[in-house]
Amino acid sequence: MRKTKRIGFQLVCALLIVGLVHTVFFKGSLSTGEENYFGEDQCNSYNSLNAVNSGYYASSKVEFAGYNWDTIGYNNDETAGIYGPKDTVTLLLDVTSYTFLDVVAKYEDITKNLDNLFAHLKLEDAEKIVKEPRTNKPFWLLNADSASMLKKSIRAYANSWWLSSSTGHKMLKDGEINFNGTEENEVNALRPALYIKTDAFIKDVVKVSASTANIMENLVVGACSSVKQIQLGGYLWDVVSYNDGVQHGMISTPKSSAILLLASQSAAKFMNGEQVQFGDNNNYYNSQAQAELENLHTQFSKLEPEVEIIQRSFGESKITDDGSIAGPNVTGAYFWILSTDEVEKLENHLRIYPYSWWLRSPGISGHYAAQVFSTGLVDKNGWISKYKNALRPAFCVKLTSRIKNAIDEEYFP
């Protein structure tokens, strides 16, 4: 009997030790009263829309029901941004949700298309939505008043999109509102909005520790980092590649650095949406395209003095791993445009842009420069260099850079 008790006691002790070891080595360190916001557990614990409102994380984008959404308002005792029912977050389809861009409709077919979107939701997603009180619909369109509250960079979209109005108001691609009404057989994109419960658990919340968000490395590296865009120098940038000792992304990146590409949301803001000639021919050196990017560096360095940019060089003589320009070598470039080799390594949703945009690679002849169509298709034959396309700058930044304002993404004027 005494032997049986001793064996039982030893078994309990062994189970306690196994549980302790499991907690320490598989679940993270024992609690010390301080939250570890980059730990695996915390990623799972805070993967809800409460993170949008909390002081721990700042979020401007979420992924829900297979699409990306901008968070444009929330109501948690008090309203911020676009009004919504209590304990909800207001979401607007993000410009990066390219699979939805094929959905265009006449004005009279809008309701049918939005109802069809709800009908295809999984049950667990449908239960997270709070229906719009006036229409009792899960998906709806912003009206002109609400849309005008948003920054122009958010209003800009790959296509013109319908607003809620009996006379057919629409938002143009550049973010300006058109009040002229519908034309016969006119079709525009649908950009649905919805209210979602703040306690809903969703696939992805952009999570950043507020206390450390001004260090670039903490934005793009770490178990809890799902940041794909960063605001710098007044523009929004896609993080397309980074190297923290291991290469992430297909574009080769120096160690302890990241490559950022101007995001679609900033297309209308950069150079006021103006498009430019590549140059007199397809030589990148001393081209108009290169000159505009030097102007950007002057402006950027004043706004972000602590951001360390790694200069790059290009040329036919393979002076870098990507020698893909025509004409003399370019050395010490702070900002640059991608080559055909680089852009083909990006996922297509990163290539889509409101306008066709120049690449630095030569095209089919001396007066053609390569380009990317607004649909994301790469055109190696290119476009006439004296004609106009958009510029979409990229740059390489050190991960140790300090950022003035990384998480305070203001969506409202």
Foldseek 3Di string as FASTA:
>chain_A
DVVVVVVVVVVVVVVVVVVQVCCPPPVHHDDPPDDDCQGPVNLQVPQFLLQCVDLFWHFQWDDAQRFIWGFQWAADVHIDGDDDPHQWTKTKGFQLRVVQQVDKDDPVCQVVVQVVSLVPGDPLRNVQFDADVPVSHFKDFAAPVSLQQFDQLRQAHLAWEWHDDPQTWIAGNSSHIDPPGDDPPDMTGYIIMTIGGRGRRGDDTQGAGPVPQQFLLRQPDGNNHPDQWWDALNFIWGFQWAACPHTDHDDDAPHQKTKTKGFQSCCCVVVNNDWAFQAQWLANVPGPLLVSQVVVVVSRCVRAVQWAFDFDKEACVCPDVDHAAPDHIDGRRFKFFAAPVRLVRGDQSRQAHSAKEFHSHAALDGQFGWIAGNSSRTHRNGDGRRDITGYIIMTMTGSRGGGPDTRPDDGGD
